[in-house]
Amino acid sequence: MSEILARIDLAIAELVQIRSALAPETDESSCQPQEEDFVDTSTAAERFNLPRDTVRWLCENKGMGEKRGGRWYVSVQAMRDYKRD
């Protein structure tokens, strides 16, 4: 078993080297964390100052979100567009 793990570690190290060689140089700004595309309905309701039921309705009826494991997650960009209009 330890031989298999050692081979996996070696393969990962080789892949990291290949990726480093192929990856273009990046500046500091591109390394900053990006905002999540989707947030839960409670977070969206707080952030966009809307009732949670309204956010859920927008997800269900206006296609602004997706259901994951029985919970709705709303697109941040779709909410921005909705509030802007």
Protein backbone atom coordinates (compact mmCIF):
# COMPACT_ATOMS: atom_id res chain seq x y z
CA MET A 1 0.00 0.00 0.00
CA SER A 2 2.81 2.44 0.85
CA GLU A 3 4.40 1.75 -2.55
CA ILE A 4 1.19 2.83 -4.28
CA LEU A 5 1.02 6.01 -2.19
CA ALA A 6 4.64 6.80 -3.02
CA ARG A 7 3.90 6.36 -6.74
CA ILE A 8 0.87 8.64 -6.45
CA ASP A 9 2.98 11.31 -4.68
CA LEU A 10 5.59 11.07 -7.44
CA ALA A 11 2.93 11.41 -10.15
CA ILE A 12 1.44 14.46 -8.41
CA ALA A 13 4.87 16.08 -8.11
CA GLU A 14 5.48 15.51 -11.83
CA LEU A 15 2.08 16.97 -12.74
CA VAL A 16 2.77 20.05 -10.61
CA GLN A 17 6.06 20.56 -12.46
CA ILE A 18 4.32 20.20 -15.84
CA ARG A 19 1.60 22.65 -14.82
CA SER A 20 4.18 25.18 -13.63
CA ALA A 21 6.01 24.93 -16.93
CA LEU A 22 2.81 25.38 -18.96
CA ALA A 23 1.07 28.02 -16.83
CA PRO A 24 1.50 31.60 -18.03
CA GLU A 25 2.99 34.13 -15.66
CA THR A 26 0.31 35.84 -13.61
CA ASP A 27 0.27 39.14 -11.78
CA GLU A 28 -0.87 39.61 -8.18
CA SER A 29 -4.35 40.85 -9.13
CA SER A 30 -5.27 37.61 -10.88
CA CYS A 31 -4.41 35.65 -7.74
CA GLN A 32 -7.08 37.38 -5.68
CA PRO A 33 -10.03 35.18 -4.69
CA GLN A 34 -13.05 35.56 -6.94
CA GLU A 35 -16.56 36.13 -5.63
CA GLU A 36 -18.71 33.02 -5.56
CA ASP A 37 -21.15 32.75 -8.41
CA PHE A 38 -23.97 31.43 -6.22
CA VAL A 39 -25.01 32.11 -2.63
CA ASP A 40 -27.80 30.67 -0.50
CA THR A 41 -31.14 32.49 -0.33
CA SER A 42 -30.52 33.87 3.17
CA THR A 43 -27.23 35.45 2.13
CA ALA A 44 -28.77 36.87 -1.05
CA ALA A 45 -31.73 38.27 0.90
CA GLU A 46 -29.39 40.08 3.29
CA ARG A 47 -26.99 41.28 0.61
CA PHE A 48 -29.69 42.61 -1.72
CA ASN A 49 -32.14 43.75 0.97
CA LEU A 50 -35.01 41.51 -0.17
CA PRO A 51 -37.26 39.09 1.70
CA ARG A 52 -36.07 35.46 1.54
CA ASP A 53 -39.40 34.42 0.01
CA THR A 54 -38.86 36.89 -2.83
CA VAL A 55 -35.38 35.53 -3.48
CA ARG A 56 -36.74 31.97 -3.53
CA TRP A 57 -39.53 33.05 -5.89
CA LEU A 58 -36.98 34.66 -8.23
CA CYS A 59 -35.00 31.40 -8.24
CA GLU A 60 -38.03 29.24 -8.98
CA ASN A 61 -39.96 31.45 -11.37
CA LYS A 62 -37.38 33.68 -13.03
CA GLY A 63 -34.52 31.19 -13.35
CA MET A 64 -32.16 33.17 -11.14
CA GLY A 65 -30.92 30.20 -9.18
CA GLU A 66 -30.53 26.48 -8.95
CA LYS A 67 -31.60 23.88 -6.45
CA ARG A 68 -28.85 21.85 -4.79
CA GLY A 69 -29.72 19.15 -2.32
CA GLY A 70 -33.17 20.60 -1.67
CA ARG A 71 -31.92 24.17 -1.11
CA TRP A 72 -32.01 27.11 -3.49
CA TYR A 73 -28.84 28.96 -4.44
CA VAL A 74 -29.14 32.25 -6.29
CA SER A 75 -26.80 33.71 -8.89
CA VAL A 76 -25.10 36.82 -7.55
CA GLN A 77 -24.81 38.30 -11.05
CA ALA A 78 -28.51 37.67 -11.77
CA MET A 79 -29.44 39.42 -8.51
CA ARG A 80 -27.22 42.39 -9.39
CA ASP A 81 -28.91 42.65 -12.78
CA TYR A 82 -32.36 42.37 -11.17
CA LYS A 83 -31.64 45.11 -8.62
CA ARG A 84 -30.10 47.36 -11.29
CA ASP A 85 -33.25 47.23 -13.46
